[in-house]
Amino acid sequence: MHEVQPGSALEQRIKAIEAHLGKRIILCGVRVPGSGFRGRITERRRHVVLEYRDTTPGFFWHYEIIEELLTYVEQGRGSATIFEGNIQYVIGPPPRRQPAPPES
């Protein structure tokens, strides 16, 4: 998880959500010039992808966007796209917990 500082409160929050969902959260910085795009949540079977606008790689200005996306995941929104000035939700089923693998 290289997009957040190790040991940060944000990293701990991501780990807690991953544990609750039983799914990995994958963070992807994207550049979409001039579109007003801020971020998107896409749920997959075994992971949740959080894409966020990363206009200046190496800086942590995108933390606010990641935190906002995490809030939507915690609220049970499996899909959402956020643009400047408004939020467009594609409401699907909430992220589902994956069953624990059978013990050997």
PDB file of N, CA and C in Angstrom:
ATOM      1  N   MET A   1       0.851  -1.167   0.000  1.00  0.00           N
ATOM      2  CA  MET A   1       0.000   0.000   0.000  1.00  0.00           C
ATOM      3  C   MET A   1       0.901   1.236   0.000  1.00  0.00           C
ATOM      4  N   HIS A   2       1.411   1.632  -1.154  1.00  0.00           N
ATOM      5  CA  HIS A   2       2.380   2.710  -1.216  1.00  0.00           C
ATOM      6  C   HIS A   2       1.750   4.094  -1.307  1.00  0.00           C
ATOM      7  N   GLU A   3       0.451   4.204  -1.473  1.00  0.00           N
ATOM      8  CA  GLU A   3      -0.209   5.488  -1.620  1.00  0.00           C
ATOM      9  C   GLU A   3      -0.435   6.195  -0.286  1.00  0.00           C
ATOM     10  N   VAL A   4      -0.293   5.483   0.815  1.00  0.00           N
ATOM     11  CA  VAL A   4      -0.461   6.091   2.140  1.00  0.00           C
ATOM     12  C   VAL A   4       0.789   5.802   2.961  1.00  0.00           C
ATOM     13  N   GLN A   5       1.049   6.663   3.912  1.00  0.00           N
ATOM     14  CA  GLN A   5       2.239   6.473   4.736  1.00  0.00           C
ATOM     15  C   GLN A   5       2.040   5.294   5.692  1.00  0.00           C
ATOM     16  N   PRO A   6       3.038   4.428   5.780  1.00  0.00           N
ATOM     17  CA  PRO A   6       2.954   3.298   6.705  1.00  0.00           C
ATOM     18  C   PRO A   6       2.743   3.775   8.142  1.00  0.00           C
ATOM     19  N   GLY A   7       1.829   3.099   8.835  1.00  0.00           N
ATOM     20  CA  GLY A   7       1.553   3.431  10.226  1.00  0.00           C
ATOM     21  C   GLY A   7       0.632   4.613  10.428  1.00  0.00           C
ATOM     22  N   SER A   8       0.194   5.247   9.343  1.00  0.00           N
ATOM     23  CA  SER A   8      -0.680   6.422   9.457  1.00  0.00           C
ATOM     24  C   SER A   8      -2.093   5.987   9.870  1.00  0.00           C
ATOM     25  N   ALA A   9      -2.853   6.958  10.344  1.00  0.00           N
ATOM     26  CA  ALA A   9      -4.251   6.691  10.702  1.00  0.00           C
ATOM     27  C   ALA A   9      -5.024   6.208   9.481  1.00  0.00           C
ATOM     28  N   LEU A  10      -4.696   6.724   8.315  1.00  0.00           N
ATOM     29  CA  LEU A  10      -5.376   6.305   7.090  1.00  0.00           C
ATOM     30  C   LEU A  10      -5.069   4.838   6.780  1.00  0.00           C
ATOM     31  N   GLU A  11      -3.828   4.432   6.936  1.00  0.00           N
ATOM     32  CA  GLU A  11      -3.479   3.038   6.706  1.00  0.00           C
ATOM     33  C   GLU A  11      -4.218   2.120   7.682  1.00  0.00           C
ATOM     34  N   GLN A  12      -4.312   2.526   8.940  1.00  0.00           N
ATOM     35  CA  GLN A  12      -5.024   1.727   9.940  1.00  0.00           C
ATOM     36  C   GLN A  12      -6.506   1.618   9.595  1.00  0.00           C
ATOM     37  N   ARG A  13      -7.092   2.713   9.108  1.00  0.00           N
ATOM     38  CA  ARG A  13      -8.509   2.696   8.712  1.00  0.00           C
ATOM     39  C   ARG A  13      -8.728   1.727   7.550  1.00  0.00           C
ATOM     40  N   ILE A  14      -7.846   1.757   6.577  1.00  0.00           N
ATOM     41  CA  ILE A  14      -7.959   0.848   5.432  1.00  0.00           C
ATOM     42  C   ILE A  14      -7.869  -0.604   5.899  1.00  0.00           C
ATOM     43  N   LYS A  15      -6.926  -0.897   6.768  1.00  0.00           N
ATOM     44  CA  LYS A  15      -6.776  -2.270   7.280  1.00  0.00           C
ATOM     45  C   LYS A  15      -8.026  -2.722   8.037  1.00  0.00           C
ATOM     46  N   ALA A  16      -8.632  -1.820   8.799  1.00  0.00           N
ATOM     47  CA  ALA A  16      -9.845  -2.168   9.554  1.00  0.00           C
ATOM     48  C   ALA A  16     -11.005  -2.469   8.601  1.00  0.00           C
ATOM     49  N   ILE A  17     -11.137  -1.674   7.553  1.00  0.00           N
ATOM     50  CA  ILE A  17     -12.215  -1.912   6.582  1.00  0.00           C
ATOM     51  C   ILE A  17     -11.969  -3.218   5.841  1.00  0.00           C
ATOM     52  N   GLU A  18     -10.719  -3.479   5.467  1.00  0.00           N
ATOM     53  CA  GLU A  18     -10.386  -4.739   4.798  1.00  0.00           C
ATOM     54  C   GLU A  18     -10.747  -5.929   5.682  1.00  0.00           C
ATOM     55  N   ALA A  19     -10.437  -5.834   6.954  1.00  0.00           N
ATOM     56  CA  ALA A  19     -10.745  -6.922   7.883  1.00  0.00           C
ATOM     57  C   ALA A  19     -12.248  -7.118   7.998  1.00  0.00           C
ATOM     58  N   HIS A  20     -12.996  -6.021   8.061  1.00  0.00           N
ATOM     59  CA  HIS A  20     -14.452  -6.109   8.180  1.00  0.00           C
ATOM     60  C   HIS A  20     -15.077  -6.737   6.932  1.00  0.00           C
ATOM     61  N   LEU A  21     -14.597  -6.314   5.754  1.00  0.00           N
ATOM     62  CA  LEU A  21     -15.169  -6.823   4.499  1.00  0.00           C
ATOM     63  C   LEU A  21     -14.610  -8.186   4.106  1.00  0.00           C
ATOM     64  N   GLY A  22     -13.417  -8.502   4.593  1.00  0.00           N
ATOM     65  CA  GLY A  22     -12.750  -9.717   4.125  1.00  0.00           C
ATOM     66  C   GLY A  22     -12.269  -9.562   2.698  1.00  0.00           C
ATOM     67  N   LYS A  23     -12.034  -8.312   2.282  1.00  0.00           N
ATOM     68  CA  LYS A  23     -11.584  -8.005   0.927  1.00  0.00           C
ATOM     69  C   LYS A  23     -10.449  -7.007   1.009  1.00  0.00           C
ATOM     70  N   ARG A  24      -9.576  -7.092   0.061  1.00  0.00           N
ATOM     71  CA  ARG A  24      -8.477  -6.131  -0.021  1.00  0.00           C
ATOM     72  C   ARG A  24      -8.988  -4.837  -0.664  1.00  0.00           C
ATOM     73  N   ILE A  25      -8.472  -3.717  -0.199  1.00  0.00           N
ATOM     74  CA  ILE A  25      -8.752  -2.420  -0.821  1.00  0.00           C
ATOM     75  C   ILE A  25      -7.525  -2.056  -1.641  1.00  0.00           C
ATOM     76  N   ILE A  26      -7.752  -1.799  -2.918  1.00  0.00           N
ATOM     77  CA  ILE A  26      -6.674  -1.427  -3.828  1.00  0.00           C
ATOM     78  C   ILE A  26      -6.831   0.048  -4.166  1.00  0.00           C
ATOM     79  N   LEU A  27      -5.775   0.822  -3.935  1.00  0.00           N
ATOM     80  CA  LEU A  27      -5.778   2.249  -4.229  1.00  0.00           C
ATOM     81  C   LEU A  27      -5.066   2.493  -5.544  1.00  0.00           C
ATOM     82  N   CYS A  28      -5.702   3.290  -6.412  1.00  0.00           N
ATOM     83  CA  CYS A  28      -5.119   3.596  -7.718  1.00  0.00           C
ATOM     84  C   CYS A  28      -5.220   5.091  -7.981  1.00  0.00           C
ATOM     85  N   GLY A  29      -4.079   5.759  -8.046  1.00  0.00           N
ATOM     86  CA  GLY A  29      -4.069   7.157  -8.420  1.00  0.00           C
ATOM     87  C   GLY A  29      -4.227   7.283  -9.923  1.00  0.00           C
ATOM     88  N   VAL A  30      -5.100   8.177 -10.369  1.00  0.00           N
ATOM     89  CA  VAL A  30      -5.335   8.377 -11.800  1.00  0.00           C
ATOM     90  C   VAL A  30      -5.265   9.866 -12.124  1.00  0.00           C
ATOM     91  N   ARG A  31      -4.977  10.142 -13.366  1.00  0.00           N
ATOM     92  CA  ARG A  31      -4.970  11.525 -13.856  1.00  0.00           C
ATOM     93  C   ARG A  31      -6.009  11.645 -14.953  1.00  0.00           C
ATOM     94  N   VAL A  32      -6.947  12.560 -14.754  1.00  0.00           N
ATOM     95  CA  VAL A  32      -8.003  12.808 -15.735  1.00  0.00           C
ATOM     96  C   VAL A  32      -8.104  14.328 -15.879  1.00  0.00           C
ATOM     97  N   PRO A  33      -7.250  14.927 -16.704  1.00  0.00           N
ATOM     98  CA  PRO A  33      -7.196  16.388 -16.782  1.00  0.00           C
ATOM     99  C   PRO A  33      -8.519  17.014 -17.220  1.00  0.00           C
ATOM    100  N   GLY A  34      -8.920  18.061 -16.512  1.00  0.00           N
ATOM    101  CA  GLY A  34     -10.054  18.872 -16.912  1.00  0.00           C
ATOM    102  C   GLY A  34     -11.435  18.260 -16.782  1.00  0.00           C
ATOM    103  N   SER A  35     -11.553  17.084 -16.195  1.00  0.00           N
ATOM    104  CA  SER A  35     -12.863  16.421 -16.158  1.00  0.00           C
ATOM    105  C   SER A  35     -13.643  16.706 -14.890  1.00  0.00           C
ATOM    106  N   GLY A  36     -12.991  17.200 -13.848  1.00  0.00           N
ATOM    107  CA  GLY A  36     -13.648  17.373 -12.556  1.00  0.00           C
ATOM    108  C   GLY A  36     -13.729  16.082 -11.764  1.00  0.00           C
ATOM    109  N   PHE A  37     -13.172  15.008 -12.298  1.00  0.00           N
ATOM    110  CA  PHE A  37     -13.178  13.708 -11.622  1.00  0.00           C
ATOM    111  C   PHE A  37     -12.402  13.799 -10.321  1.00  0.00           C
ATOM    112  N   ARG A  38     -12.973  13.245  -9.247  1.00  0.00           N
ATOM    113  CA  ARG A  38     -12.281  13.175  -7.955  1.00  0.00           C
ATOM    114  C   ARG A  38     -11.965  11.745  -7.572  1.00  0.00           C
ATOM    115  N   GLY A  39     -12.950  10.833  -7.719  1.00  0.00           N
ATOM    116  CA  GLY A  39     -12.701   9.456  -7.316  1.00  0.00           C
ATOM    117  C   GLY A  39     -13.822   8.522  -7.690  1.00  0.00           C
ATOM    118  N   ARG A  40     -13.550   7.224  -7.561  1.00  0.00           N
ATOM    119  CA  ARG A  40     -14.533   6.194  -7.918  1.00  0.00           C
ATOM    120  C   ARG A  40     -14.308   4.963  -7.068  1.00  0.00           C
ATOM    121  N   ILE A  41     -15.399   4.306  -6.711  1.00  0.00           N
ATOM    122  CA  ILE A  41     -15.363   3.021  -6.000  1.00  0.00           C
ATOM    123  C   ILE A  41     -15.893   1.962  -6.953  1.00  0.00           C
ATOM    124  N   THR A  42     -15.155   0.883  -7.093  1.00  0.00           N
ATOM    125  CA  THR A  42     -15.607  -0.247  -7.896  1.00  0.00           C
ATOM    126  C   THR A  42     -15.400  -1.511  -7.079  1.00  0.00           C
ATOM    127  N   GLU A  43     -16.470  -2.191  -6.774  1.00  0.00           N
ATOM    128  CA  GLU A  43     -16.362  -3.436  -6.005  1.00  0.00           C
ATOM    129  C   GLU A  43     -16.195  -4.611  -6.943  1.00  0.00           C
ATOM    130  N   ARG A  44     -15.253  -5.445  -6.617  1.00  0.00           N
ATOM    131  CA  ARG A  44     -15.027  -6.701  -7.326  1.00  0.00           C
ATOM    132  C   ARG A  44     -15.266  -7.845  -6.354  1.00  0.00           C
ATOM    133  N   ARG A  45     -15.202  -9.039  -6.854  1.00  0.00           N
ATOM    134  CA  ARG A  45     -15.502 -10.192  -6.013  1.00  0.00           C
ATOM    135  C   ARG A  45     -14.571 -10.299  -4.806  1.00  0.00           C
ATOM    136  N   ARG A  46     -13.288 -10.073  -5.016  1.00  0.00           N
ATOM    137  CA  ARG A  46     -12.322 -10.265  -3.931  1.00  0.00           C
ATOM    138  C   ARG A  46     -11.638  -8.986  -3.467  1.00  0.00           C
ATOM    139  N   HIS A  47     -11.998  -7.857  -4.066  1.00  0.00           N
ATOM    140  CA  HIS A  47     -11.382  -6.608  -3.652  1.00  0.00           C
ATOM    141  C   HIS A  47     -12.280  -5.423  -4.007  1.00  0.00           C
ATOM    142  N   VAL A  48     -11.940  -4.286  -3.427  1.00  0.00           N
ATOM    143  CA  VAL A  48     -12.628  -3.032  -3.719  1.00  0.00           C
ATOM    144  C   VAL A  48     -11.561  -2.083  -4.244  1.00  0.00           C
ATOM    145  N   VAL A  49     -11.798  -1.531  -5.449  1.00  0.00           N
ATOM    146  CA  VAL A  49     -10.842  -0.620  -6.059  1.00  0.00           C
ATOM    147  C   VAL A  49     -11.292   0.810  -5.777  1.00  0.00           C
ATOM    148  N   LEU A  50     -10.370   1.615  -5.218  1.00  0.00           N
ATOM    149  CA  LEU A  50     -10.613   3.033  -5.013  1.00  0.00           C
ATOM    150  C   LEU A  50      -9.684   3.788  -5.951  1.00  0.00           C
ATOM    151  N   GLU A  51     -10.274   4.420  -6.965  1.00  0.00           N
ATOM    152  CA  GLU A  51      -9.494   5.267  -7.865  1.00  0.00           C
ATOM    153  C   GLU A  51      -9.657   6.698  -7.380  1.00  0.00           C
ATOM    154  N   TYR A  52      -8.574   7.435  -7.336  1.00  0.00           N
ATOM    155  CA  TYR A  52      -8.631   8.807  -6.853  1.00  0.00           C
ATOM    156  C   TYR A  52      -7.776   9.700  -7.750  1.00  0.00           C
ATOM    157  N   ARG A  53      -8.181  10.951  -7.843  1.00  0.00           N
ATOM    158  CA  ARG A  53      -7.420  11.912  -8.633  1.00  0.00           C
ATOM    159  C   ARG A  53      -6.092  12.178  -7.928  1.00  0.00           C
ATOM    160  N   ASP A  54      -5.028  11.977  -8.650  1.00  0.00           N
ATOM    161  CA  ASP A  54      -3.692  12.184  -8.111  1.00  0.00           C
ATOM    162  C   ASP A  54      -2.978  13.162  -9.031  1.00  0.00           C
ATOM    163  N   THR A  55      -3.167  14.444  -8.791  1.00  0.00           N
ATOM    164  CA  THR A  55      -2.619  15.462  -9.686  1.00  0.00           C
ATOM    165  C   THR A  55      -1.136  15.703  -9.475  1.00  0.00           C
ATOM    166  N   THR A  56      -0.631  15.432  -8.285  1.00  0.00           N
ATOM    167  CA  THR A  56       0.779  15.659  -7.989  1.00  0.00           C
ATOM    168  C   THR A  56       1.347  14.441  -7.264  1.00  0.00           C
ATOM    169  N   PRO A  57       1.832  13.445  -8.009  1.00  0.00           N
ATOM    170  CA  PRO A  57       2.387  12.253  -7.364  1.00  0.00           C
ATOM    171  C   PRO A  57       3.500  12.624  -6.392  1.00  0.00           C
ATOM    172  N   GLY A  58       3.536  11.908  -5.278  1.00  0.00           N
ATOM    173  CA  GLY A  58       4.553  12.160  -4.271  1.00  0.00           C
ATOM    174  C   GLY A  58       4.072  13.047  -3.140  1.00  0.00           C
ATOM    175  N   PHE A  59       2.954  13.732  -3.333  1.00  0.00           N
ATOM    176  CA  PHE A  59       2.369  14.543  -2.276  1.00  0.00           C
ATOM    177  C   PHE A  59       1.146  13.814  -1.739  1.00  0.00           C
ATOM    178  N   PHE A  60       0.651  14.252  -0.607  1.00  0.00           N
ATOM    179  CA  PHE A  60      -0.448  13.533   0.033  1.00  0.00           C
ATOM    180  C   PHE A  60      -1.754  14.323  -0.016  1.00  0.00           C
ATOM    181  N   TRP A  61      -1.927  15.146  -1.039  1.00  0.00           N
ATOM    182  CA  TRP A  61      -3.146  15.931  -1.180  1.00  0.00           C
ATOM    183  C   TRP A  61      -4.353  15.053  -1.480  1.00  0.00           C
ATOM    184  N   HIS A  62      -4.124  13.859  -1.967  1.00  0.00           N
ATOM    185  CA  HIS A  62      -5.214  12.956  -2.322  1.00  0.00           C
ATOM    186  C   HIS A  62      -5.811  12.254  -1.096  1.00  0.00           C
ATOM    187  N   TYR A  63      -5.215  12.408   0.082  1.00  0.00           N
ATOM    188  CA  TYR A  63      -5.744  11.744   1.275  1.00  0.00           C
ATOM    189  C   TYR A  63      -7.213  12.095   1.519  1.00  0.00           C
ATOM    190  N   GLU A  64      -7.575  13.347   1.325  1.00  0.00           N
ATOM    191  CA  GLU A  64      -8.969  13.762   1.547  1.00  0.00           C
ATOM    192  C   GLU A  64      -9.919  12.979   0.648  1.00  0.00           C
ATOM    193  N   ILE A  65      -9.535  12.783  -0.592  1.00  0.00           N
ATOM    194  CA  ILE A  65     -10.381  12.033  -1.530  1.00  0.00           C
ATOM    195  C   ILE A  65     -10.471  10.568  -1.092  1.00  0.00           C
ATOM    196  N   ILE A  66      -9.342   9.976  -0.720  1.00  0.00           N
ATOM    197  CA  ILE A  66      -9.338   8.577  -0.267  1.00  0.00           C
ATOM    198  C   ILE A  66     -10.229   8.430   0.965  1.00  0.00           C
ATOM    199  N   GLU A  67     -10.117   9.355   1.911  1.00  0.00           N
ATOM    200  CA  GLU A  67     -10.950   9.289   3.116  1.00  0.00           C
ATOM    201  C   GLU A  67     -12.432   9.393   2.776  1.00  0.00           C
ATOM    202  N   GLU A  68     -12.776  10.253   1.838  1.00  0.00           N
ATOM    203  CA  GLU A  68     -14.175  10.371   1.408  1.00  0.00           C
ATOM    204  C   GLU A  68     -14.659   9.064   0.779  1.00  0.00           C
ATOM    205  N   LEU A  69     -13.850   8.462  -0.089  1.00  0.00           N
ATOM    206  CA  LEU A  69     -14.222   7.188  -0.705  1.00  0.00           C
ATOM    207  C   LEU A  69     -14.376   6.092   0.351  1.00  0.00           C
ATOM    208  N   LEU A  70     -13.483   6.062   1.330  1.00  0.00           N
ATOM    209  CA  LEU A  70     -13.590   5.070   2.399  1.00  0.00           C
ATOM    210  C   LEU A  70     -14.878   5.240   3.200  1.00  0.00           C
ATOM    211  N   THR A  71     -15.297   6.477   3.408  1.00  0.00           N
ATOM    212  CA  THR A  71     -16.551   6.736   4.119  1.00  0.00           C
ATOM    213  C   THR A  71     -17.717   6.115   3.360  1.00  0.00           C
ATOM    214  N   TYR A  72     -17.729   6.246   2.039  1.00  0.00           N
ATOM    215  CA  TYR A  72     -18.802   5.650   1.245  1.00  0.00           C
ATOM    216  C   TYR A  72     -18.767   4.126   1.314  1.00  0.00           C
ATOM    217  N   VAL A  73     -17.567   3.543   1.313  1.00  0.00           N
ATOM    218  CA  VAL A  73     -17.454   2.084   1.447  1.00  0.00           C
ATOM    219  C   VAL A  73     -18.004   1.654   2.808  1.00  0.00           C
ATOM    220  N   GLU A  74     -17.651   2.396   3.859  1.00  0.00           N
ATOM    221  CA  GLU A  74     -18.150   2.076   5.199  1.00  0.00           C
ATOM    222  C   GLU A  74     -19.669   2.199   5.274  1.00  0.00           C
ATOM    223  N   GLN A  75     -20.254   3.082   4.478  1.00  0.00           N
ATOM    224  CA  GLN A  75     -21.706   3.260   4.449  1.00  0.00           C
ATOM    225  C   GLN A  75     -22.400   2.197   3.612  1.00  0.00           C
ATOM    226  N   GLY A  76     -21.625   1.326   2.975  1.00  0.00           N
ATOM    227  CA  GLY A  76     -22.220   0.245   2.202  1.00  0.00           C
ATOM    228  C   GLY A  76     -22.405   0.558   0.735  1.00  0.00           C
ATOM    229  N   ARG A  77     -21.756   1.588   0.235  1.00  0.00           N
ATOM    230  CA  ARG A  77     -21.864   1.914  -1.193  1.00  0.00           C
ATOM    231  C   ARG A  77     -20.775   1.148  -1.927  1.00  0.00           C
ATOM    232  N   GLY A  78     -21.187   0.149  -2.687  1.00  0.00           N
ATOM    233  CA  GLY A  78     -20.242  -0.666  -3.439  1.00  0.00           C
ATOM    234  C   GLY A  78     -19.745   0.017  -4.685  1.00  0.00           C
ATOM    235  N   SER A  79     -20.463   1.044  -5.150  1.00  0.00           N
ATOM    236  CA  SER A  79     -20.078   1.773  -6.351  1.00  0.00           C
ATOM    237  C   SER A  79     -20.456   3.231  -6.189  1.00  0.00           C
ATOM    238  N   ALA A  80     -19.550   4.106  -6.534  1.00  0.00           N
ATOM    239  CA  ALA A  80     -19.828   5.542  -6.538  1.00  0.00           C
ATOM    240  C   ALA A  80     -18.757   6.230  -7.357  1.00  0.00           C
ATOM    241  N   THR A  81     -19.136   7.299  -8.024  1.00  0.00           N
ATOM    242  CA  THR A  81     -18.185   8.142  -8.734  1.00  0.00           C
ATOM    243  C   THR A  81     -18.377   9.558  -8.226  1.00  0.00           C
ATOM    244  N   ILE A  82     -17.279  10.216  -7.884  1.00  0.00           N
ATOM    245  CA  ILE A  82     -17.340  11.546  -7.299  1.00  0.00           C
ATOM    246  C   ILE A  82     -16.702  12.541  -8.269  1.00  0.00           C
ATOM    247  N   PHE A  83     -17.429  13.609  -8.550  1.00  0.00           N
ATOM    248  CA  PHE A  83     -16.918  14.707  -9.362  1.00  0.00           C
ATOM    249  C   PHE A  83     -16.927  15.973  -8.530  1.00  0.00           C
ATOM    250  N   GLU A  84     -16.130  16.969  -8.912  1.00  0.00           N
ATOM    251  CA  GLU A  84     -16.149  18.259  -8.233  1.00  0.00           C
ATOM    252  C   GLU A  84     -17.573  18.796  -8.254  1.00  0.00           C
ATOM    253  N   GLY A  85     -18.069  19.207  -7.082  1.00  0.00           N
ATOM    254  CA  GLY A  85     -19.380  19.839  -7.011  1.00  0.00           C
ATOM    255  C   GLY A  85     -20.546  18.896  -6.840  1.00  0.00           C
ATOM    256  N   ASN A  86     -20.392  17.634  -7.160  1.00  0.00           N
ATOM    257  CA  ASN A  86     -21.503  16.709  -6.952  1.00  0.00           C
ATOM    258  C   ASN A  86     -20.992  15.274  -6.894  1.00  0.00           C
ATOM    259  N   ILE A  87     -21.859  14.401  -6.500  1.00  0.00           N
ATOM    260  CA  ILE A  87     -21.527  12.989  -6.387  1.00  0.00           C
ATOM    261  C   ILE A  87     -22.541  12.219  -7.228  1.00  0.00           C
ATOM    262  N   GLN A  88     -22.058  11.347  -8.051  1.00  0.00           N
ATOM    263  CA  GLN A  88     -22.941  10.485  -8.827  1.00  0.00           C
ATOM    264  C   GLN A  88     -22.818   9.077  -8.261  1.00  0.00           C
ATOM    265  N   TYR A  89     -23.903   8.610  -7.690  1.00  0.00           N
ATOM    266  CA  TYR A  89     -23.884   7.275  -7.106  1.00  0.00           C
ATOM    267  C   TYR A  89     -24.421   6.259  -8.096  1.00  0.00           C
ATOM    268  N   VAL A  90     -23.768   5.156  -8.155  1.00  0.00           N
ATOM    269  CA  VAL A  90     -24.320   3.974  -8.800  1.00  0.00           C
ATOM    270  C   VAL A  90     -24.490   3.016  -7.640  1.00  0.00           C
ATOM    271  N   ILE A  91     -25.706   2.948  -7.136  1.00  0.00           N
ATOM    272  CA  ILE A  91     -25.913   2.189  -5.907  1.00  0.00           C
ATOM    273  C   ILE A  91     -26.191   0.740  -6.252  1.00  0.00           C
ATOM    274  N   GLY A  92     -25.322  -0.072  -5.772  1.00  0.00           N
ATOM    275  CA  GLY A  92     -25.478  -1.505  -5.934  1.00  0.00           C
ATOM    276  C   GLY A  92     -25.554  -2.117  -4.558  1.00  0.00           C
ATOM    277  N   PRO A  93     -25.434  -3.402  -4.484  1.00  0.00           N
ATOM    278  CA  PRO A  93     -25.428  -4.028  -3.163  1.00  0.00           C
ATOM    279  C   PRO A  93     -24.199  -3.557  -2.395  1.00  0.00           C
ATOM    280  N   PRO A  94     -24.279  -3.501  -1.084  1.00  0.00           N
ATOM    281  CA  PRO A  94     -23.107  -3.097  -0.308  1.00  0.00           C
ATOM    282  C   PRO A  94     -21.987  -4.110  -0.475  1.00  0.00           C
ATOM    283  N   PRO A  95     -20.752  -3.674  -0.252  1.00  0.00           N
ATOM    284  CA  PRO A  95     -19.655  -4.639  -0.328  1.00  0.00           C
ATOM    285  C   PRO A  95     -19.938  -5.825   0.590  1.00  0.00           C
ATOM    286  N   ARG A  96     -19.740  -7.015   0.056  1.00  0.00           N
ATOM    287  CA  ARG A  96     -20.051  -8.230   0.803  1.00  0.00           C
ATOM    288  C   ARG A  96     -18.791  -8.778   1.447  1.00  0.00           C
ATOM    289  N   ARG A  97     -18.981  -9.337   2.606  1.00  0.00           N
ATOM    290  CA  ARG A  97     -17.880 -10.035   3.256  1.00  0.00           C
ATOM    291  C   ARG A  97     -17.628 -11.334   2.521  1.00  0.00           C
ATOM    292  N   GLN A  98     -16.392 -11.685   2.405  1.00  0.00           N
ATOM    293  CA  GLN A  98     -16.023 -12.962   1.810  1.00  0.00           C
ATOM    294  C   GLN A  98     -16.019 -14.008   2.919  1.00  0.00           C
ATOM    295  N   PRO A  99     -16.561 -15.178   2.661  1.00  0.00           N
ATOM    296  CA  PRO A  99     -16.505 -16.212   3.698  1.00  0.00           C
ATOM    297  C   PRO A  99     -15.057 -16.593   3.978  1.00  0.00           C
ATOM    298  N   ALA A 100     -14.808 -16.913   5.212  1.00  0.00           N
ATOM    299  CA  ALA A 100     -13.456 -17.344   5.600  1.00  0.00           C
ATOM    300  C   ALA A 100     -13.149 -18.668   4.909  1.00  0.00           C
ATOM    301  N   PRO A 101     -11.910 -18.836   4.463  1.00  0.00           N
ATOM    302  CA  PRO A 101     -11.567 -20.109   3.811  1.00  0.00           C
ATOM    303  C   PRO A 101     -11.657 -21.246   4.815  1.00  0.00           C
ATOM    304  N   PRO A 102     -12.030 -22.422   4.352  1.00  0.00           N
ATOM    305  CA  PRO A 102     -12.131 -23.562   5.267  1.00  0.00           C
ATOM    306  C   PRO A 102     -10.767 -23.890   5.853  1.00  0.00           C
ATOM    307  N   GLU A 103     -10.793 -24.248   7.118  1.00  0.00           N
ATOM    308  CA  GLU A 103      -9.547 -24.610   7.785  1.00  0.00           C
ATOM    309  C   GLU A 103      -9.135 -26.003   7.359  1.00  0.00           C
ATOM    310  N   SER A 104      -7.850 -26.164   7.190  1.00  0.00           N
ATOM    311  CA  SER A 104      -7.334 -27.471   6.739  1.00  0.00           C
ATOM    312  C   SER A 104      -7.157 -28.399   7.904  1.00  0.00           C
TER     313      SER A 104
END
